[in-house]
Amino acid sequence: MINNTNTKERLNALKNNTSNNNSAFGYISLEQNSDGYQNTAAGSQSLDKNETGINNTAVGYRTLKNSLGIKNTAIGSFSGRTIEDGNQNTCIGFQADVSDKTATNQIVIGNEATGHQDNGVVIGNTNINVIEPGKNNQVDLGSSNYKF
């Protein structure tokens, strides 16, 4: 169903919406959205509690369910579930999540991986014990300007 420049599909998707440029696909996705715009929610209960947040993308069951922030991206069921007032976070993987409900600019990639701090990157969960390049002696993980 199209309403102005919104697109929605399933029961109560964009139920309280009064703004434009949102897409909601799934049961109660973006249900609480009122003034938020340019959001995409694909999956039941994704971005359910968003009211005024903008430029969020949630793909998967209950992704970014509690998010009220802006510019958050989550892909994978239950990913980004901790985010409430956090902004500019990226969570990719089943239950990939940030460290705190007000997290900012955390990038978290991996199955059940959890961020550590704002402006930080986590690749992999607690079972990962090595990160390897695709080819030996061909990858520089740093530079003379940046140290690990």
Protein backbone atom coordinates (compact mmCIF):
# COMPACT_ATOMS: atom_id res chain seq x y z
CA MET A 1 0.00 0.00 0.00
CA ILE A 2 1.31 3.45 -0.85
CA ASN A 3 0.44 6.53 1.23
CA ASN A 4 1.99 9.74 -0.12
CA THR A 5 5.62 8.72 -0.47
CA ASN A 6 5.45 5.88 2.08
CA THR A 7 5.30 2.20 1.27
CA LYS A 8 3.97 -0.35 3.73
CA GLU A 9 2.95 -3.98 3.78
CA ARG A 10 1.49 -6.00 6.69
CA LEU A 11 -0.64 -5.32 9.74
CA ASN A 12 0.12 -2.10 11.65
CA ALA A 13 3.19 -1.23 9.62
CA LEU A 14 3.59 2.57 9.80
CA LYS A 15 0.41 2.63 11.91
CA ASN A 16 1.03 6.05 13.54
CA ASN A 17 2.98 7.62 10.69
CA THR A 18 2.43 11.26 9.71
CA SER A 19 5.61 11.80 7.69
CA ASN A 20 6.91 10.73 4.28
CA ASN A 21 9.62 8.67 2.60
CA ASN A 22 9.40 5.59 4.83
CA SER A 23 9.19 1.94 3.81
CA ALA A 24 7.89 -0.72 6.19
CA PHE A 25 7.52 -4.40 5.34
CA GLY A 26 6.48 -6.67 8.18
CA TYR A 27 4.10 -6.91 11.10
CA ILE A 28 4.30 -3.73 13.26
CA SER A 29 7.44 -2.53 11.50
CA LEU A 30 7.83 1.22 12.08
CA GLU A 31 4.53 1.04 13.97
CA GLN A 32 5.29 3.93 16.36
CA ASN A 33 6.84 6.15 13.70
CA SER A 34 5.23 9.57 13.67
CA ASP A 35 7.62 12.21 12.35
CA GLY A 36 10.60 10.07 11.38
CA TYR A 37 11.44 9.97 7.70
CA GLN A 38 13.68 8.18 5.21
CA ASN A 39 13.56 4.97 7.25
CA THR A 40 13.45 1.44 5.88
CA ALA A 41 12.23 -1.49 7.96
CA ALA A 42 12.01 -4.99 6.49
CA GLY A 43 11.06 -7.67 8.98
CA SER A 44 8.43 -8.11 11.65
CA GLN A 45 8.82 -5.66 14.54
CA SER A 46 11.80 -3.94 12.93
CA LEU A 47 12.18 -0.29 13.97
CA ASP A 48 8.95 -0.78 15.90
CA LYS A 49 9.58 1.94 18.50
CA ASN A 50 11.09 4.54 16.20
CA GLU A 51 9.07 7.75 16.47
CA THR A 52 11.17 10.59 15.04
CA GLY A 53 14.40 8.92 13.95
CA ILE A 54 15.62 9.47 10.42
CA ASN A 55 17.76 7.58 7.91
CA ASN A 56 17.59 4.23 9.72
CA THR A 57 17.73 0.87 7.93
CA ALA A 58 16.62 -2.36 9.62
CA VAL A 59 16.55 -5.71 7.83
CA GLY A 60 15.51 -8.81 9.77
CA TYR A 61 13.19 -9.89 12.54
CA ARG A 62 13.16 -7.38 15.43
CA THR A 63 16.13 -5.41 14.09
CA LEU A 64 16.55 -2.00 15.70
CA LYS A 65 13.30 -2.74 17.53
CA ASN A 66 13.95 -0.16 20.30
CA SER A 67 15.82 2.45 18.29
CA LEU A 68 14.84 6.10 18.59
CA GLY A 69 18.07 7.37 17.03
CA ILE A 70 19.28 8.43 13.61
CA LYS A 71 21.47 6.89 10.92
CA ASN A 72 21.52 3.38 12.41
CA THR A 73 21.82 0.32 10.18
CA ALA A 74 21.18 -3.26 11.28
CA ILE A 75 21.07 -6.40 9.17
CA GLY A 76 20.26 -9.76 10.75
CA SER A 77 17.56 -10.94 13.11
CA PHE A 78 17.67 -9.26 16.54
CA SER A 79 20.61 -7.06 15.52
CA GLY A 80 20.89 -3.62 17.09
CA ARG A 81 18.40 -4.58 19.81
CA THR A 82 20.18 -2.57 22.54
CA ILE A 83 20.15 0.72 20.63
CA GLU A 84 17.66 3.24 22.01
CA ASP A 85 19.08 6.76 21.79
CA GLY A 86 22.22 5.71 19.89
CA ASN A 87 23.18 7.17 16.52
CA GLN A 88 25.29 6.25 13.49
CA ASN A 89 25.77 2.58 14.41
CA THR A 90 26.12 -0.41 12.07
CA CYS A 91 25.34 -3.96 13.20
CA ILE A 92 25.63 -6.85 10.75
CA GLY A 93 24.91 -10.46 11.73
CA PHE A 94 22.47 -12.42 13.87
CA GLN A 95 22.19 -10.61 17.22
CA ALA A 96 25.09 -8.29 16.37
CA ASP A 97 24.76 -5.44 18.84
CA VAL A 98 26.33 -2.34 20.34
CA SER A 99 27.69 -2.03 23.87
CA ASP A 100 25.20 0.49 25.22
CA LYS A 101 21.75 1.92 24.48
CA THR A 102 23.27 5.35 23.71
CA ALA A 103 26.09 3.98 21.54
CA THR A 104 27.51 6.23 18.82
CA ASN A 105 29.37 5.18 15.69
CA GLN A 106 29.96 1.55 16.64
CA ILE A 107 30.53 -0.92 13.82
CA VAL A 108 29.81 -4.50 14.85
CA ILE A 109 30.10 -7.39 12.41
CA GLY A 110 29.53 -11.06 13.15
CA ASN A 111 27.18 -13.61 14.62
CA GLU A 112 26.39 -12.50 18.20
CA ALA A 113 29.23 -9.97 18.11
CA THR A 114 29.02 -7.06 20.58
CA GLY A 115 30.61 -3.63 20.32
CA HIS A 116 33.07 -2.40 22.95
CA GLN A 117 32.96 1.38 22.81
CA ASP A 118 31.84 4.41 20.82
CA ASN A 119 33.77 5.10 17.63
CA GLY A 120 35.02 1.50 17.67
CA VAL A 121 34.91 -1.51 15.36
CA VAL A 122 34.39 -5.14 16.40
CA ILE A 123 34.70 -7.94 13.89
CA GLY A 124 33.64 -11.34 15.19
CA ASN A 125 32.29 -12.71 18.43
CA THR A 126 34.15 -14.04 21.49
CA ASN A 127 34.88 -17.34 19.69
CA ILE A 128 37.09 -15.66 17.08
CA ASN A 129 40.78 -16.08 17.91
CA VAL A 130 42.53 -14.94 14.74
CA ILE A 131 42.01 -12.49 11.90
CA GLU A 132 43.85 -13.45 8.74
CA PRO A 133 44.35 -11.81 5.37
CA GLY A 134 43.25 -13.61 2.23
CA LYS A 135 46.83 -13.83 0.96
CA ASN A 136 50.14 -14.09 2.82
CA ASN A 137 52.53 -11.12 2.62
CA GLN A 138 50.11 -9.12 0.46
CA VAL A 139 48.03 -7.21 3.04
CA ASP A 140 49.13 -4.24 5.12
CA LEU A 141 46.98 -3.89 8.24
CA GLY A 142 48.44 -0.52 9.06
CA SER A 143 50.60 2.27 7.79
CA SER A 144 53.46 4.41 8.97
CA ASN A 145 50.89 6.98 10.13
CA TYR A 146 48.57 4.63 12.05
CA LYS A 147 49.72 2.01 14.58
CA PHE A 148 47.94 -1.01 16.06
